């Protein structure tokens, strides 16, 4: 598959870029581009699988309902029984796969949030005096903590759904006689999963309308200043010799675009912030702040 080939090329370029040489920074840029292509391809495949499985589960649920109604109305008709059984197996086996996939992605999101929270905690701790940047860092940390709680609740809801659906299938199809003492467990798990999902939605509404709404309009600038040293280090890693064909400002801006992509890949602010707040960080770094440009210009 193209995603595997892209991953292989990305690894090869990263190995080459780790070797000091004339083209080290250019290879590091190409490696980042292949990494972006790999993630875009992989996410597209996963999204396609989710969409297809959702459609199959939707129609399987409709057929199962029709089969169950027909089986009740005409018990002697084996066709309704066949439709209900096949639909139940399809829905009961395919839907948990989607739930397991959600568990994997939610667990990955929790890891990103934890790493971001720890990194900003170090920055807030090392700050000498309280400032607007420190306040913004603390506010984003609070959102990270809330998002971790919401992700944990969603993870538990997905886990309950992944267990309840095949469990209910086993109970309804009489695949075993050893579970007769637990007929209410699948229903309880399903109700608990639904209730937890609804509570998580309300909690996320609170995060959006209260926590994110009160963030500073200068959040992008505050984050950029707080991560000043790291951004300058990344600029040195992706800076290439200037050519005489393009204007210097265009080449500098292109370097900052690579810096922004690498920085936001390393610290996943998108897991805690919405598109507008995340976009302010991206735009601030891509614009190449004046203080950074002076440092970079002195080193060219």
Protein backbone atom coordinates (compact mmCIF):
# COMPACT_ATOMS: atom_id res chain seq x y z
CA UNK A 1 0.00 0.00 0.00
CA UNK A 2 1.02 3.59 -0.58
CA UNK A 3 0.96 4.35 3.15
CA UNK A 4 3.54 1.63 3.87
CA UNK A 5 5.77 2.85 1.05
CA UNK A 6 5.45 6.43 2.27
CA UNK A 7 6.41 5.37 5.79
CA UNK A 8 9.45 3.55 4.46
CA UNK A 9 10.61 6.61 2.49
CA UNK A 10 10.03 8.85 5.52
CA UNK A 11 12.19 6.61 7.73
CA UNK A 12 14.94 6.55 5.11
CA UNK A 13 14.94 10.35 4.84
CA UNK A 14 15.00 10.76 8.62
CA UNK A 15 18.04 8.49 8.82
CA UNK A 16 19.79 10.48 6.10
CA UNK A 17 18.90 13.81 7.70
CA UNK A 18 20.47 12.67 10.99
CA UNK A 19 23.86 12.60 9.25
CA UNK A 20 25.64 15.95 9.31
CA UNK A 21 26.18 17.25 5.82
CA UNK A 22 25.45 19.95 3.29
CA UNK A 23 21.89 18.78 2.58
CA UNK A 24 20.92 17.82 6.13
CA UNK A 25 18.28 20.55 6.56
CA UNK A 26 16.77 20.01 3.11
CA UNK A 27 16.43 16.27 3.82
CA UNK A 28 14.76 17.07 7.13
CA UNK A 29 12.19 19.13 5.24
CA UNK A 30 11.52 16.30 2.78
CA UNK A 31 11.16 13.84 5.68
CA UNK A 32 8.54 16.09 7.27
CA UNK A 33 6.60 16.27 3.98
CA UNK A 34 6.57 12.48 3.70
CA UNK A 35 5.43 12.19 7.32
CA UNK A 36 2.54 14.56 6.62
CA UNK A 37 1.63 12.53 3.53
CA UNK A 38 1.76 9.29 5.52
CA UNK A 39 -0.54 10.56 8.27
CA UNK A 40 -2.95 12.05 5.73
CA UNK A 41 -3.12 8.74 3.85
CA UNK A 42 -3.56 6.69 7.01
CA UNK A 43 -6.24 8.98 8.40
CA UNK A 44 -8.07 8.78 5.07
CA UNK A 45 -8.10 4.98 5.21
CA UNK A 46 -9.31 4.95 8.81
CA UNK A 47 -12.02 7.50 8.03
CA UNK A 48 -13.18 5.46 5.04
CA UNK A 49 -13.40 2.35 7.21
CA UNK A 50 -15.44 4.19 9.84
CA UNK A 51 -17.84 5.58 7.24
CA UNK A 52 -18.33 2.22 5.51
CA UNK A 53 -18.80 0.36 8.79
CA UNK A 54 -21.28 2.98 9.97
CA UNK A 55 -23.38 2.58 6.81
CA UNK A 56 -23.26 -1.21 7.05
CA UNK A 57 -24.26 -1.09 10.72
CA UNK A 58 -27.09 1.34 9.92
CA UNK A 59 -28.62 -0.88 7.24
CA UNK A 60 -27.98 -4.01 9.29
CA UNK A 61 -29.92 -2.48 12.19
CA UNK A 62 -32.82 -1.67 9.85
CA UNK A 63 -32.83 -5.21 8.44
CA UNK A 64 -32.65 -6.67 11.93
CA UNK A 65 -35.68 -4.61 12.96
CA UNK A 66 -37.59 -5.74 9.89
CA UNK A 67 -36.58 -9.35 10.51
CA UNK A 68 -37.66 -9.24 14.15
CA UNK A 69 -41.03 -7.69 13.27
CA UNK A 70 -41.59 -10.25 10.51
CA UNK A 71 -40.54 -13.11 12.78
CA UNK A 72 -43.08 -11.99 15.37
CA UNK A 73 -45.85 -11.56 12.77
CA UNK A 74 -45.14 -14.77 10.85
CA UNK A 75 -43.19 -17.28 12.97
CA UNK A 76 -43.53 -19.96 10.31
CA UNK A 77 -41.68 -17.86 7.70
CA UNK A 78 -38.00 -18.82 7.94
CA UNK A 79 -36.95 -15.96 5.67
CA UNK A 80 -37.52 -13.35 8.38
CA UNK A 81 -35.58 -15.49 10.83
CA UNK A 82 -32.64 -15.69 8.39
CA UNK A 83 -32.66 -11.91 7.80
CA UNK A 84 -32.80 -11.17 11.53
CA UNK A 85 -29.97 -13.58 12.32
CA UNK A 86 -27.62 -12.37 9.59
CA UNK A 87 -28.30 -8.71 10.43
CA UNK A 88 -27.74 -9.35 14.14
CA UNK A 89 -24.38 -11.00 13.47
CA UNK A 90 -23.33 -8.20 11.12
CA UNK A 91 -24.32 -5.46 13.54
CA UNK A 92 -23.02 -7.27 16.61
CA UNK A 93 -19.61 -8.08 15.15
CA UNK A 94 -18.85 -5.03 13.00
CA UNK A 95 -19.91 -2.28 15.38
CA UNK A 96 -17.55 -3.39 18.22
CA UNK A 97 -14.64 -3.06 15.79
CA UNK A 98 -15.49 0.62 15.39
CA UNK A 99 -15.75 0.92 19.18
CA UNK A 100 -12.30 -0.65 19.61
CA UNK A 101 -10.92 1.77 17.00
CA UNK A 102 -12.41 4.65 19.00
CA UNK A 103 -10.72 3.29 22.13
CA UNK A 104 -7.34 3.30 20.37
CA UNK A 105 -7.73 6.87 19.15
CA UNK A 106 -9.02 8.12 22.50
CA UNK A 107 -6.07 6.50 24.27
CA UNK A 108 -3.72 8.20 21.82
CA UNK A 109 -5.47 11.51 22.47
CA UNK A 110 -4.98 11.07 26.22
CA UNK A 111 -1.26 10.55 25.66
CA UNK A 112 -1.02 13.74 23.59
CA UNK A 113 -2.92 15.71 26.21
CA UNK A 114 -0.75 14.35 29.02
CA UNK A 115 2.49 15.22 27.21
CA UNK A 116 1.24 18.72 26.37
CA UNK A 117 0.09 19.30 29.94
CA UNK A 118 3.44 18.19 31.38
CA UNK A 119 5.40 20.38 28.94
CA UNK A 120 3.36 23.48 29.72
CA UNK A 121 3.58 22.68 33.42
CA UNK A 122 7.36 22.88 33.20
CA UNK A 123 7.13 26.22 31.39
CA UNK A 124 4.74 27.63 34.00
CA UNK A 125 6.95 26.38 36.83
CA UNK A 126 10.13 27.91 35.35
CA UNK A 127 8.48 31.30 34.79
CA UNK A 128 10.12 33.87 37.06
CA UNK A 129 7.17 36.25 37.39
CA UNK A 130 3.45 35.97 36.61
CA UNK A 131 2.64 37.34 33.16
CA UNK A 132 -0.03 37.19 30.49
CA UNK A 133 1.87 34.30 28.88
CA UNK A 134 1.84 32.35 32.14
CA UNK A 135 -1.90 32.95 32.58
CA UNK A 136 -2.57 31.65 29.08
CA UNK A 137 -0.41 28.59 29.73
CA UNK A 138 -2.33 27.84 32.94
CA UNK A 139 -5.66 28.30 31.15
CA UNK A 140 -4.65 25.84 28.41
CA UNK A 141 -3.48 23.40 31.09
CA UNK A 142 -6.91 23.54 32.71
CA UNK A 143 -8.49 22.76 29.34
CA UNK A 144 -6.07 19.85 28.90
CA UNK A 145 -7.15 18.47 32.27
CA UNK A 146 -10.84 18.80 31.36
CA UNK A 147 -10.23 17.17 27.98
CA UNK A 148 -8.44 14.28 29.67
CA UNK A 149 -11.47 13.70 31.88
CA UNK A 150 -13.78 13.84 28.85
CA UNK A 151 -11.55 11.49 26.86
CA UNK A 152 -11.46 9.03 29.77
CA UNK A 153 -15.27 9.08 29.96
CA UNK A 154 -15.55 8.53 26.21
CA UNK A 155 -13.04 5.71 26.41
CA UNK A 156 -15.09 3.96 29.10
CA UNK A 157 -18.27 4.48 27.07
CA UNK A 158 -16.65 2.98 23.97
CA UNK A 159 -15.30 0.06 26.00
CA UNK A 160 -18.76 -0.62 27.44
CA UNK A 161 -20.28 -0.50 23.95
CA UNK A 162 -17.59 -2.84 22.58
CA UNK A 163 -18.40 -5.38 25.30
CA UNK A 164 -22.20 -4.96 25.34
CA UNK A 165 -22.85 -5.52 21.62
CA UNK A 166 -21.18 -8.94 21.19
CA UNK A 167 -22.33 -9.94 24.68
CA UNK A 168 -25.94 -9.20 23.71
CA UNK A 169 -25.45 -11.12 20.45
CA UNK A 170 -24.26 -14.18 22.36
CA UNK A 171 -27.19 -13.97 24.74
CA UNK A 172 -29.83 -13.50 22.02
CA UNK A 173 -28.51 -16.20 19.69
CA UNK A 174 -28.19 -18.73 22.54
CA UNK A 175 -24.59 -19.48 21.63
CA UNK A 176 -23.89 -20.63 25.15
CA UNK A 177 -25.86 -21.86 28.12
CA UNK A 178 -23.36 -20.69 30.72
CA UNK A 179 -24.43 -17.04 30.74
CA UNK A 180 -28.06 -17.43 31.74
CA UNK A 181 -27.39 -15.89 35.12
CA UNK A 182 -26.32 -12.56 33.52
CA UNK A 183 -29.13 -11.57 31.14
CA UNK A 184 -29.17 -7.90 32.19
CA UNK A 185 -25.45 -7.19 31.85
CA UNK A 186 -25.47 -6.26 28.12
CA UNK A 187 -28.45 -3.93 28.61
CA UNK A 188 -26.86 -2.34 31.67
CA UNK A 189 -23.59 -1.78 29.81
CA UNK A 190 -25.42 -0.25 26.85
CA UNK A 191 -27.44 2.10 29.06
CA UNK A 192 -24.31 3.06 30.99
CA UNK A 193 -22.46 3.75 27.74
CA UNK A 194 -25.28 5.94 26.46
CA UNK A 195 -25.56 7.85 29.74
CA UNK A 196 -21.80 8.40 29.90
CA UNK A 197 -21.75 9.64 26.30
CA UNK A 198 -24.53 12.14 27.06
CA UNK A 199 -22.75 13.40 30.19
CA UNK A 200 -19.52 13.75 28.20
CA UNK A 201 -21.32 15.83 25.57
CA UNK A 202 -22.63 18.16 28.27
CA UNK A 203 -19.17 18.41 29.83
CA UNK A 204 -17.63 19.25 26.45
CA UNK A 205 -20.26 21.96 26.04
CA UNK A 206 -19.05 23.41 29.34
CA UNK A 207 -15.44 23.27 28.14
CA UNK A 208 -16.33 25.06 24.91
CA UNK A 209 -18.64 27.72 26.29
CA UNK A 210 -16.71 28.50 29.49
CA UNK A 211 -13.09 27.38 29.40
CA UNK A 212 -12.26 27.98 25.73
CA UNK A 213 -14.44 31.07 25.44
CA UNK A 214 -12.45 32.84 28.18
CA UNK A 215 -9.06 32.24 26.55
CA UNK A 216 -7.05 35.32 25.67
CA UNK A 217 -7.39 36.65 22.09
CA UNK A 218 -3.58 36.81 22.07
CA UNK A 219 -3.23 33.09 22.80
CA UNK A 220 -1.12 32.44 19.70
CA UNK A 221 1.36 35.16 20.65
CA UNK A 222 1.52 33.98 24.27
CA UNK A 223 2.23 30.38 23.24
CA UNK A 224 4.87 31.53 20.76
CA UNK A 225 6.65 33.62 23.37
CA UNK A 226 6.46 30.84 25.96
CA UNK A 227 8.03 28.33 23.54
CA UNK A 228 10.51 30.89 22.18
CA UNK A 229 13.65 28.82 22.75
CA UNK A 230 12.18 25.69 21.20
CA UNK A 231 10.94 27.57 18.14
CA UNK A 232 14.33 29.12 17.57
CA UNK A 233 15.95 25.69 17.85
CA UNK A 234 13.51 24.28 15.29
CA UNK A 235 14.22 27.21 12.97
CA UNK A 236 17.91 26.30 12.99
CA UNK A 237 17.06 22.68 12.19
CA UNK A 238 14.94 23.55 9.15
CA UNK A 239 16.88 26.56 7.91
CA UNK A 240 18.50 26.05 4.50
CA UNK A 241 21.05 28.26 2.71
CA UNK A 242 19.42 31.22 0.99
CA UNK A 243 19.30 31.22 -2.79
CA UNK A 244 19.56 34.25 -5.08
CA UNK A 245 16.38 33.53 -7.05
CA UNK A 246 13.62 34.08 -4.50
CA UNK A 247 13.26 37.06 -2.14
CA UNK A 248 14.72 36.55 1.30
CA UNK A 249 11.38 37.12 3.05
CA UNK A 250 9.71 34.34 1.07
CA UNK A 251 12.45 31.85 1.95
CA UNK A 252 12.30 32.86 5.62
CA UNK A 253 8.50 32.49 5.65
CA UNK A 254 8.80 29.01 4.09
CA UNK A 255 11.18 27.97 6.86
CA UNK A 256 8.71 29.14 9.48
CA UNK A 257 5.99 27.05 7.83
CA UNK A 258 8.10 23.94 8.37
CA UNK A 259 8.79 25.06 11.95
CA UNK A 260 5.07 25.51 12.62
CA UNK A 261 4.22 22.04 11.28
CA UNK A 262 6.96 20.38 13.31
CA UNK A 263 6.12 22.26 16.50
CA UNK A 264 2.39 21.50 16.30
CA UNK A 265 3.13 17.87 15.46
CA UNK A 266 5.31 17.61 18.54
CA UNK A 267 2.86 19.40 20.85
CA UNK A 268 -0.72 18.58 19.86
CA UNK A 269 -2.59 21.75 20.77
CA UNK A 270 -5.38 20.64 18.43
CA UNK A 271 -6.42 18.00 20.98
CA UNK A 272 -7.22 20.71 23.54
CA UNK A 273 -8.23 23.74 21.47
CA UNK A 274 -10.79 24.37 18.76
CA UNK A 275 -9.92 25.40 15.22
CA UNK A 276 -9.92 29.16 15.85
CA UNK A 277 -7.63 29.05 18.89
CA UNK A 278 -5.40 26.42 17.33
CA UNK A 279 -5.31 28.47 14.13
CA UNK A 280 -4.07 31.52 16.02
CA UNK A 281 -1.03 29.55 17.20
CA UNK A 282 -0.40 28.22 13.71
CA UNK A 283 -0.70 31.66 12.10
CA UNK A 284 1.52 33.33 14.67
CA UNK A 285 4.35 30.85 14.12
CA UNK A 286 3.94 30.78 10.34
CA UNK A 287 4.07 34.56 10.17
CA UNK A 288 7.65 34.47 11.45
CA UNK A 289 7.58 36.84 14.44
CA UNK A 290 9.94 39.79 14.18
CA UNK A 291 12.01 38.78 17.20
CA UNK A 292 12.64 35.36 15.67
CA UNK A 293 13.50 36.84 12.29
CA UNK A 294 16.15 39.07 13.83
CA UNK A 295 17.79 36.08 15.48
CA UNK A 296 17.62 34.07 12.27
CA UNK A 297 18.90 36.93 10.08
CA UNK A 298 21.95 37.39 12.27
CA UNK A 299 22.87 33.75 11.79
CA UNK A 300 22.55 33.58 7.98
